[in-house]
Amino acid sequence: MALREIRIVGDPVLRTPCDPITTIDDRVRSLVEDLLETVDMDGRAGLAANQIGVNLRAFSWNIDDEIGYVLNPVVVELSEDEYQDGDEGCLSVPGLWFPTHRAWYARVVGTDLDGREVVVEGTELMARCLQHEVDHLDGMLYLDRLERSVRKKAMRAIREQL
């Protein structure tokens, strides 16, 4: 296992949709171990594989003292009439938080390392995490979901950090 370096906004791997995992092998097992170890720190809610430079559909989470992972996740349900508008941050956009509109509830379906179906669901922070991490795997950053005026402020703040 290894604590992996987080890729930062501007790295092309963050804008590249991740490939499905077709074979569970030692490389995938090692990836899951690295995702779990790297997310297991204070202030980290979720981590997608491309954030550590691996272009495969997997992410880990660390919410309410529960740490887990899912392979090949797909969002299968979002609340249609309940939303949350809270500040959201990202390990790949360090130190910056912006109000981001998300569904209040989310459910994701994927698999585990044994190929068994995994269902991960939750409200509020867990729902935000699930949506955020699947966006990463699709090559999106939360910045893409910001309202236009907020996005302009975010991009200016990112340029000032560089």
N, C-alpha and C. Protein backbone atom coordinates (compact mmCIF):
# COMPACT_ATOMS: atom_id res chain seq x y z
N MET A 1 0.84 -1.18 0.00
CA MET A 1 0.00 0.00 0.00
C MET A 1 0.88 1.24 0.00
N ALA A 2 0.34 2.29 -0.58
CA ALA A 2 1.10 3.53 -0.64
C ALA A 2 0.18 4.73 -0.57
N LEU A 3 0.64 5.73 0.15
CA LEU A 3 -0.05 7.02 0.16
C LEU A 3 0.35 7.71 -1.13
N ARG A 4 -0.60 7.96 -2.00
CA ARG A 4 -0.30 8.45 -3.34
C ARG A 4 -0.44 9.97 -3.43
N GLU A 5 0.35 10.56 -4.33
CA GLU A 5 0.29 11.99 -4.59
C GLU A 5 -0.99 12.33 -5.35
N ILE A 6 -1.62 13.43 -4.96
CA ILE A 6 -2.87 13.86 -5.58
C ILE A 6 -2.55 14.74 -6.79
N ARG A 7 -3.17 14.43 -7.93
CA ARG A 7 -3.04 15.24 -9.13
C ARG A 7 -3.87 16.51 -8.96
N ILE A 8 -3.33 17.62 -9.45
CA ILE A 8 -3.93 18.94 -9.25
C ILE A 8 -4.55 19.44 -10.55
N VAL A 9 -5.58 20.28 -10.42
CA VAL A 9 -6.26 20.87 -11.57
C VAL A 9 -5.23 21.36 -12.57
N GLY A 10 -5.48 21.06 -13.84
CA GLY A 10 -4.53 21.35 -14.90
C GLY A 10 -3.89 20.08 -15.44
N ASP A 11 -3.86 19.02 -14.63
CA ASP A 11 -3.33 17.74 -15.07
C ASP A 11 -4.37 17.10 -16.00
N PRO A 12 -3.97 16.72 -17.21
CA PRO A 12 -4.94 16.18 -18.17
C PRO A 12 -5.64 14.90 -17.72
N VAL A 13 -5.04 14.13 -16.82
CA VAL A 13 -5.69 12.90 -16.36
C VAL A 13 -7.03 13.20 -15.67
N LEU A 14 -7.16 14.39 -15.10
CA LEU A 14 -8.40 14.75 -14.42
C LEU A 14 -9.53 15.05 -15.40
N ARG A 15 -9.19 15.30 -16.65
CA ARG A 15 -10.20 15.63 -17.67
C ARG A 15 -10.44 14.47 -18.64
N THR A 16 -9.86 13.32 -18.33
CA THR A 16 -9.99 12.16 -19.20
C THR A 16 -10.95 11.16 -18.57
N PRO A 17 -12.04 10.80 -19.27
CA PRO A 17 -12.93 9.78 -18.72
C PRO A 17 -12.16 8.48 -18.46
N CYS A 18 -12.43 7.87 -17.32
CA CYS A 18 -11.71 6.66 -16.92
C CYS A 18 -12.27 5.42 -17.61
N ASP A 19 -11.38 4.47 -17.84
CA ASP A 19 -11.74 3.20 -18.47
C ASP A 19 -12.39 2.26 -17.46
N PRO A 20 -13.36 1.47 -17.91
CA PRO A 20 -13.95 0.47 -17.02
C PRO A 20 -12.90 -0.57 -16.62
N ILE A 21 -13.06 -1.11 -15.45
CA ILE A 21 -12.20 -2.20 -15.00
C ILE A 21 -12.81 -3.49 -15.52
N THR A 22 -12.07 -4.20 -16.36
CA THR A 22 -12.59 -5.42 -16.98
C THR A 22 -12.05 -6.68 -16.33
N THR A 23 -10.90 -6.57 -15.67
CA THR A 23 -10.27 -7.72 -15.03
C THR A 23 -9.80 -7.32 -13.64
N ILE A 24 -10.15 -8.11 -12.66
CA ILE A 24 -9.67 -7.87 -11.30
C ILE A 24 -8.34 -8.63 -11.17
N ASP A 25 -7.26 -7.87 -11.17
CA ASP A 25 -5.93 -8.47 -11.06
C ASP A 25 -5.15 -7.77 -9.95
N ASP A 26 -3.87 -8.11 -9.84
CA ASP A 26 -3.05 -7.52 -8.77
C ASP A 26 -2.96 -6.01 -8.91
N ARG A 27 -2.96 -5.50 -10.14
CA ARG A 27 -2.90 -4.04 -10.35
C ARG A 27 -4.14 -3.36 -9.76
N VAL A 28 -5.30 -3.94 -9.97
CA VAL A 28 -6.54 -3.37 -9.45
C VAL A 28 -6.59 -3.51 -7.93
N ARG A 29 -6.16 -4.65 -7.41
CA ARG A 29 -6.12 -4.82 -5.95
C ARG A 29 -5.19 -3.78 -5.31
N SER A 30 -4.06 -3.55 -5.93
CA SER A 30 -3.10 -2.56 -5.43
C SER A 30 -3.70 -1.15 -5.51
N LEU A 31 -4.41 -0.86 -6.59
CA LEU A 31 -5.07 0.42 -6.74
C LEU A 31 -6.06 0.65 -5.60
N VAL A 32 -6.88 -0.34 -5.29
CA VAL A 32 -7.86 -0.21 -4.21
C VAL A 32 -7.15 0.03 -2.88
N GLU A 33 -6.10 -0.69 -2.61
CA GLU A 33 -5.34 -0.47 -1.37
C GLU A 33 -4.82 0.96 -1.31
N ASP A 34 -4.28 1.45 -2.42
CA ASP A 34 -3.77 2.83 -2.46
C ASP A 34 -4.89 3.85 -2.28
N LEU A 35 -6.04 3.61 -2.91
CA LEU A 35 -7.18 4.53 -2.75
C LEU A 35 -7.63 4.57 -1.30
N LEU A 36 -7.72 3.42 -0.66
CA LEU A 36 -8.17 3.36 0.73
C LEU A 36 -7.17 4.03 1.66
N GLU A 37 -5.89 3.79 1.45
CA GLU A 37 -4.88 4.40 2.32
C GLU A 37 -4.82 5.91 2.11
N THR A 38 -4.91 6.34 0.86
CA THR A 38 -4.78 7.77 0.56
C THR A 38 -5.99 8.57 1.02
N VAL A 39 -7.17 7.97 1.03
CA VAL A 39 -8.37 8.69 1.49
C VAL A 39 -8.47 8.69 3.01
N ASP A 40 -7.73 7.84 3.68
CA ASP A 40 -7.83 7.68 5.12
C ASP A 40 -7.02 8.73 5.87
N MET A 41 -7.41 9.99 5.67
CA MET A 41 -6.78 11.11 6.36
C MET A 41 -7.87 12.12 6.71
N ASP A 42 -7.67 12.86 7.78
CA ASP A 42 -8.63 13.88 8.17
C ASP A 42 -8.87 14.85 7.01
N GLY A 43 -10.13 15.21 6.81
CA GLY A 43 -10.47 16.18 5.79
C GLY A 43 -10.65 15.60 4.40
N ARG A 44 -10.50 14.30 4.26
CA ARG A 44 -10.68 13.67 2.95
C ARG A 44 -11.97 12.86 2.95
N ALA A 45 -12.88 13.22 2.03
CA ALA A 45 -14.17 12.54 1.95
C ALA A 45 -14.19 11.49 0.84
N GLY A 46 -13.48 11.74 -0.25
CA GLY A 46 -13.49 10.81 -1.37
C GLY A 46 -12.26 10.99 -2.24
N LEU A 47 -11.96 9.95 -3.02
CA LEU A 47 -10.80 9.98 -3.89
C LEU A 47 -11.04 9.09 -5.08
N ALA A 48 -10.96 9.67 -6.27
CA ALA A 48 -11.12 8.90 -7.51
C ALA A 48 -9.75 8.47 -8.03
N ALA A 49 -9.73 7.35 -8.74
CA ALA A 49 -8.46 6.80 -9.23
C ALA A 49 -7.68 7.78 -10.08
N ASN A 50 -8.37 8.56 -10.91
CA ASN A 50 -7.62 9.50 -11.75
C ASN A 50 -6.97 10.62 -10.95
N GLN A 51 -7.43 10.84 -9.73
CA GLN A 51 -6.79 11.84 -8.88
C GLN A 51 -5.41 11.39 -8.40
N ILE A 52 -5.14 10.09 -8.52
CA ILE A 52 -3.80 9.59 -8.22
C ILE A 52 -3.12 9.08 -9.49
N GLY A 53 -3.64 9.52 -10.63
CA GLY A 53 -2.98 9.25 -11.91
C GLY A 53 -3.32 7.94 -12.57
N VAL A 54 -4.36 7.25 -12.11
CA VAL A 54 -4.74 5.95 -12.68
C VAL A 54 -6.07 6.12 -13.41
N ASN A 55 -6.09 5.79 -14.69
CA ASN A 55 -7.27 6.01 -15.53
C ASN A 55 -8.23 4.81 -15.52
N LEU A 56 -8.65 4.41 -14.31
CA LEU A 56 -9.60 3.31 -14.16
C LEU A 56 -10.77 3.77 -13.30
N ARG A 57 -11.96 3.19 -13.55
CA ARG A 57 -13.18 3.59 -12.85
C ARG A 57 -13.25 2.96 -11.46
N ALA A 58 -12.68 3.67 -10.49
CA ALA A 58 -12.73 3.24 -9.10
C ALA A 58 -12.60 4.47 -8.21
N PHE A 59 -13.27 4.44 -7.07
CA PHE A 59 -13.06 5.49 -6.08
C PHE A 59 -13.22 4.93 -4.68
N SER A 60 -12.70 5.69 -3.73
CA SER A 60 -12.85 5.35 -2.32
C SER A 60 -13.54 6.52 -1.62
N TRP A 61 -14.08 6.24 -0.43
CA TRP A 61 -14.70 7.30 0.35
C TRP A 61 -14.33 7.13 1.82
N ASN A 62 -14.49 8.24 2.55
CA ASN A 62 -14.21 8.29 3.98
C ASN A 62 -15.23 9.26 4.59
N ILE A 63 -16.40 8.73 4.89
CA ILE A 63 -17.52 9.54 5.37
C ILE A 63 -18.03 8.96 6.68
N ASP A 64 -18.17 9.81 7.69
CA ASP A 64 -18.74 9.41 8.98
C ASP A 64 -18.09 8.14 9.53
N ASP A 65 -16.76 8.12 9.53
CA ASP A 65 -15.97 6.99 10.06
C ASP A 65 -16.17 5.70 9.27
N GLU A 66 -16.67 5.77 8.06
CA GLU A 66 -16.79 4.59 7.19
C GLU A 66 -15.89 4.82 5.98
N ILE A 67 -15.01 3.87 5.75
CA ILE A 67 -14.12 3.93 4.59
C ILE A 67 -14.49 2.77 3.69
N GLY A 68 -14.60 3.05 2.39
CA GLY A 68 -14.95 2.00 1.45
C GLY A 68 -14.51 2.35 0.05
N TYR A 69 -14.84 1.48 -0.87
CA TYR A 69 -14.48 1.67 -2.28
C TYR A 69 -15.54 1.03 -3.16
N VAL A 70 -15.53 1.41 -4.42
CA VAL A 70 -16.40 0.78 -5.41
C VAL A 70 -15.69 0.83 -6.76
N LEU A 71 -15.82 -0.25 -7.51
CA LEU A 71 -15.28 -0.34 -8.85
C LEU A 71 -16.40 -0.17 -9.87
N ASN A 72 -16.09 0.48 -10.96
CA ASN A 72 -17.05 0.69 -12.06
C ASN A 72 -18.38 1.28 -11.58
N PRO A 73 -18.33 2.33 -10.76
CA PRO A 73 -19.57 2.90 -10.24
C PRO A 73 -20.39 3.62 -11.30
N VAL A 74 -21.69 3.49 -11.16
CA VAL A 74 -22.64 4.19 -12.01
C VAL A 74 -23.70 4.79 -11.10
N VAL A 75 -24.00 6.06 -11.28
CA VAL A 75 -25.09 6.69 -10.53
C VAL A 75 -26.40 6.16 -11.11
N VAL A 76 -27.20 5.51 -10.27
CA VAL A 76 -28.46 4.94 -10.75
C VAL A 76 -29.68 5.69 -10.24
N GLU A 77 -29.47 6.54 -9.22
CA GLU A 77 -30.60 7.30 -8.70
C GLU A 77 -30.11 8.56 -8.00
N LEU A 78 -30.81 9.65 -8.28
CA LEU A 78 -30.61 10.92 -7.60
C LEU A 78 -31.97 11.45 -7.19
N SER A 79 -32.05 12.08 -6.03
CA SER A 79 -33.33 12.69 -5.65
C SER A 79 -33.67 13.76 -6.68
N GLU A 80 -34.92 13.75 -7.11
CA GLU A 80 -35.33 14.68 -8.16
C GLU A 80 -35.93 15.97 -7.60
N ASP A 81 -36.37 15.93 -6.37
CA ASP A 81 -37.03 17.12 -5.83
C ASP A 81 -36.38 17.64 -4.56
N GLU A 82 -35.28 17.05 -4.13
CA GLU A 82 -34.57 17.54 -2.96
C GLU A 82 -33.11 17.77 -3.34
N TYR A 83 -32.64 18.98 -3.06
CA TYR A 83 -31.29 19.37 -3.44
C TYR A 83 -30.55 19.95 -2.26
N GLN A 84 -29.25 20.08 -2.41
CA GLN A 84 -28.42 20.74 -1.42
C GLN A 84 -27.50 21.72 -2.14
N ASP A 85 -27.30 22.86 -1.54
CA ASP A 85 -26.43 23.90 -2.08
C ASP A 85 -25.42 24.27 -1.01
N GLY A 86 -24.36 23.52 -0.93
CA GLY A 86 -23.34 23.81 0.07
C GLY A 86 -21.99 23.98 -0.58
N ASP A 87 -21.05 24.47 0.21
CA ASP A 87 -19.70 24.61 -0.30
C ASP A 87 -19.10 23.23 -0.53
N GLU A 88 -18.41 23.11 -1.64
CA GLU A 88 -17.76 21.86 -2.01
C GLU A 88 -16.31 22.16 -2.30
N GLY A 89 -15.46 21.23 -1.94
CA GLY A 89 -14.03 21.35 -2.22
C GLY A 89 -13.55 20.10 -2.92
N CYS A 90 -12.27 20.07 -3.21
CA CYS A 90 -11.71 18.94 -3.94
C CYS A 90 -10.21 18.85 -3.66
N LEU A 91 -9.73 17.65 -3.44
CA LEU A 91 -8.29 17.47 -3.22
C LEU A 91 -7.48 17.93 -4.42
N SER A 92 -8.07 17.89 -5.59
CA SER A 92 -7.38 18.31 -6.81
C SER A 92 -7.49 19.81 -7.06
N VAL A 93 -8.25 20.50 -6.23
CA VAL A 93 -8.37 21.96 -6.27
C VAL A 93 -8.13 22.43 -4.83
N PRO A 94 -6.90 22.28 -4.34
CA PRO A 94 -6.64 22.44 -2.91
C PRO A 94 -6.93 23.84 -2.37
N GLY A 95 -7.55 23.85 -1.19
CA GLY A 95 -7.76 25.09 -0.46
C GLY A 95 -8.90 25.96 -0.93
N LEU A 96 -9.63 25.53 -1.94
CA LEU A 96 -10.72 26.35 -2.46
C LEU A 96 -12.05 25.61 -2.30
N TRP A 97 -13.06 26.34 -1.86
CA TRP A 97 -14.41 25.80 -1.66
C TRP A 97 -15.40 26.74 -2.31
N PHE A 98 -16.37 26.16 -3.05
CA PHE A 98 -17.37 26.98 -3.72
C PHE A 98 -18.74 26.32 -3.63
N PRO A 99 -19.81 27.14 -3.58
CA PRO A 99 -21.17 26.58 -3.49
C PRO A 99 -21.51 25.78 -4.75
N THR A 100 -21.91 24.53 -4.51
CA THR A 100 -22.17 23.61 -5.61
C THR A 100 -23.52 22.95 -5.40
N HIS A 101 -24.34 22.98 -6.42
CA HIS A 101 -25.70 22.41 -6.39
C HIS A 101 -25.61 20.90 -6.66
N ARG A 102 -26.14 20.11 -5.74
CA ARG A 102 -26.13 18.65 -5.88
C ARG A 102 -27.47 18.09 -5.41
N ALA A 103 -27.76 16.88 -5.86
CA ALA A 103 -28.94 16.16 -5.35
C ALA A 103 -28.71 15.84 -3.87
N TRP A 104 -29.77 15.85 -3.10
CA TRP A 104 -29.68 15.57 -1.67
C TRP A 104 -29.42 14.08 -1.41
N TYR A 105 -29.91 13.21 -2.29
CA TYR A 105 -29.75 11.75 -2.18
C TYR A 105 -29.12 11.21 -3.45
N ALA A 106 -28.24 10.22 -3.30
CA ALA A 106 -27.65 9.55 -4.47
C ALA A 106 -27.45 8.07 -4.17
N ARG A 107 -27.59 7.27 -5.22
CA ARG A 107 -27.29 5.83 -5.13
C ARG A 107 -26.40 5.46 -6.30
N VAL A 108 -25.33 4.72 -5.97
CA VAL A 108 -24.35 4.27 -6.95
C VAL A 108 -24.30 2.75 -6.90
N VAL A 109 -24.19 2.12 -8.07
CA VAL A 109 -24.03 0.67 -8.15
C VAL A 109 -22.71 0.39 -8.86
N GLY A 110 -21.98 -0.58 -8.33
CA GLY A 110 -20.71 -1.00 -8.93
C GLY A 110 -20.40 -2.40 -8.46
N THR A 111 -19.10 -2.71 -8.36
CA THR A 111 -18.69 -4.03 -7.89
C THR A 111 -17.56 -3.89 -6.88
N ASP A 112 -17.28 -5.01 -6.20
CA ASP A 112 -16.14 -5.06 -5.30
C ASP A 112 -15.03 -5.89 -5.95
N LEU A 113 -13.98 -6.15 -5.21
CA LEU A 113 -12.84 -6.89 -5.76
C LEU A 113 -13.16 -8.35 -6.06
N ASP A 114 -14.27 -8.85 -5.53
CA ASP A 114 -14.68 -10.22 -5.82
C ASP A 114 -15.70 -10.28 -6.95
N GLY A 115 -15.99 -9.13 -7.56
CA GLY A 115 -16.94 -9.09 -8.66
C GLY A 115 -18.40 -9.04 -8.21
N ARG A 116 -18.63 -8.92 -6.91
CA ARG A 116 -20.00 -8.86 -6.40
C ARG A 116 -20.54 -7.44 -6.53
N GLU A 117 -21.85 -7.35 -6.77
CA GLU A 117 -22.48 -6.03 -6.86
C GLU A 117 -22.40 -5.31 -5.52
N VAL A 118 -22.11 -4.02 -5.61
CA VAL A 118 -22.05 -3.15 -4.44
C VAL A 118 -23.01 -2.00 -4.68
N VAL A 119 -23.83 -1.68 -3.69
CA VAL A 119 -24.72 -0.52 -3.74
C VAL A 119 -24.28 0.42 -2.63
N VAL A 120 -23.97 1.64 -3.01
CA VAL A 120 -23.58 2.67 -2.04
C VAL A 120 -24.58 3.80 -2.20
N GLU A 121 -25.17 4.22 -1.09
CA GLU A 121 -26.16 5.28 -1.17
C GLU A 121 -26.07 6.14 0.07
N GLY A 122 -26.61 7.34 -0.05
CA GLY A 122 -26.62 8.21 1.10
C GLY A 122 -27.23 9.55 0.79
N THR A 123 -27.33 10.34 1.85
CA THR A 123 -27.86 11.69 1.73
C THR A 123 -26.76 12.67 2.12
N GLU A 124 -27.03 13.92 1.86
CA GLU A 124 -26.17 15.03 2.24
C GLU A 124 -24.71 14.79 1.85
N LEU A 125 -23.79 14.68 2.83
CA LEU A 125 -22.37 14.57 2.50
C LEU A 125 -22.06 13.32 1.68
N MET A 126 -22.66 12.18 2.03
CA MET A 126 -22.40 10.96 1.26
C MET A 126 -22.92 11.12 -0.17
N ALA A 127 -24.09 11.70 -0.33
CA ALA A 127 -24.63 11.93 -1.67
C ALA A 127 -23.73 12.86 -2.46
N ARG A 128 -23.26 13.90 -1.83
CA ARG A 128 -22.34 14.85 -2.49
C ARG A 128 -21.07 14.12 -2.91
N CYS A 129 -20.52 13.30 -2.03
CA CYS A 129 -19.30 12.55 -2.33
C CYS A 129 -19.51 11.61 -3.53
N LEU A 130 -20.59 10.85 -3.52
CA LEU A 130 -20.85 9.91 -4.61
C LEU A 130 -20.93 10.63 -5.95
N GLN A 131 -21.66 11.74 -5.99
CA GLN A 131 -21.79 12.50 -7.23
C GLN A 131 -20.45 13.09 -7.65
N HIS A 132 -19.71 13.63 -6.70
CA HIS A 132 -18.41 14.26 -6.96
C HIS A 132 -17.42 13.25 -7.54
N GLU A 133 -17.34 12.05 -6.92
CA GLU A 133 -16.35 11.06 -7.36
C GLU A 133 -16.71 10.45 -8.71
N VAL A 134 -17.98 10.20 -8.95
CA VAL A 134 -18.37 9.68 -10.28
C VAL A 134 -18.10 10.75 -11.35
N ASP A 135 -18.33 12.02 -11.02
CA ASP A 135 -17.96 13.09 -11.95
C ASP A 135 -16.48 13.00 -12.30
N HIS A 136 -15.62 12.81 -11.28
CA HIS A 136 -14.18 12.67 -11.56
C HIS A 136 -13.94 11.56 -12.57
N LEU A 137 -14.57 10.41 -12.36
CA LEU A 137 -14.34 9.27 -13.25
C LEU A 137 -14.85 9.53 -14.67
N ASP A 138 -15.76 10.49 -14.80
CA ASP A 138 -16.27 10.89 -16.11
C ASP A 138 -15.45 12.03 -16.72
N GLY A 139 -14.38 12.44 -16.04
CA GLY A 139 -13.51 13.51 -16.54
C GLY A 139 -14.00 14.91 -16.20
N MET A 140 -14.85 15.02 -15.18
CA MET A 140 -15.39 16.33 -14.77
C MET A 140 -14.85 16.72 -13.40
N LEU A 141 -14.74 18.01 -13.18
CA LEU A 141 -14.43 18.55 -11.86
C LEU A 141 -15.66 19.28 -11.34
N TYR A 142 -15.75 19.44 -10.04
CA TYR A 142 -16.91 20.14 -9.49
C TYR A 142 -16.99 21.57 -10.01
N LEU A 143 -15.86 22.11 -10.43
CA LEU A 143 -15.84 23.46 -11.01
C LEU A 143 -16.77 23.57 -12.21
N ASP A 144 -16.93 22.47 -12.94
CA ASP A 144 -17.79 22.46 -14.13
C ASP A 144 -19.27 22.62 -13.77
N ARG A 145 -19.61 22.37 -12.53
CA ARG A 145 -21.01 22.45 -12.09
C ARG A 145 -21.36 23.78 -11.43
N LEU A 146 -20.37 24.65 -11.30
CA LEU A 146 -20.62 25.93 -10.64
C LEU A 146 -21.41 26.87 -11.54
N GLU A 147 -22.19 27.74 -10.91
CA GLU A 147 -22.87 28.79 -11.67
C GLU A 147 -21.80 29.65 -12.34
N ARG A 148 -22.14 30.23 -13.45
CA ARG A 148 -21.16 30.96 -14.28
C ARG A 148 -20.37 32.01 -13.48
N SER A 149 -21.04 32.83 -12.69
CA SER A 149 -20.33 33.89 -11.96
C SER A 149 -19.40 33.30 -10.90
N VAL A 150 -19.83 32.22 -10.26
CA VAL A 150 -19.00 31.56 -9.25
C VAL A 150 -17.82 30.86 -9.92
N ARG A 151 -18.07 30.28 -11.08
CA ARG A 151 -17.00 29.60 -11.82
C ARG A 151 -15.90 30.59 -12.22
N LYS A 152 -16.29 31.79 -12.62
CA LYS A 152 -15.29 32.81 -12.97
C LYS A 152 -14.42 33.13 -11.77
N LYS A 153 -15.04 33.29 -10.60
CA LYS A 153 -14.28 33.55 -9.37
C LYS A 153 -13.35 32.38 -9.05
N ALA A 154 -13.86 31.17 -9.22
CA ALA A 154 -13.06 29.97 -8.94
C ALA A 154 -11.85 29.90 -9.86
N MET A 155 -12.05 30.14 -11.13
CA MET A 155 -10.93 30.05 -12.08
C MET A 155 -9.90 31.13 -11.80
N ARG A 156 -10.35 32.32 -11.40
CA ARG A 156 -9.42 33.38 -11.03
C ARG A 156 -8.61 32.97 -9.81
N ALA A 157 -9.27 32.38 -8.80
CA ALA A 157 -8.58 31.94 -7.59
C ALA A 157 -7.57 30.84 -7.90
N ILE A 158 -7.90 29.96 -8.81
CA ILE A 158 -6.96 28.89 -9.20
C ILE A 158 -5.75 29.48 -9.88
N ARG A 159 -5.96 30.42 -10.81
CA ARG A 159 -4.82 31.08 -11.50
C ARG A 159 -3.93 31.79 -10.50
N GLU A 160 -4.50 32.40 -9.48
CA GLU A 160 -3.71 33.12 -8.48
C GLU A 160 -2.88 32.17 -7.63
N GLN A 161 -3.35 30.92 -7.49
CA GLN A 161 -2.60 29.94 -6.72
C GLN A 161 -1.39 29.41 -7.47
N LEU A 162 -1.47 29.41 -8.79
CA LEU A 162 -0.38 28.81 -9.60
C LEU A 162 0.86 29.65 -9.63
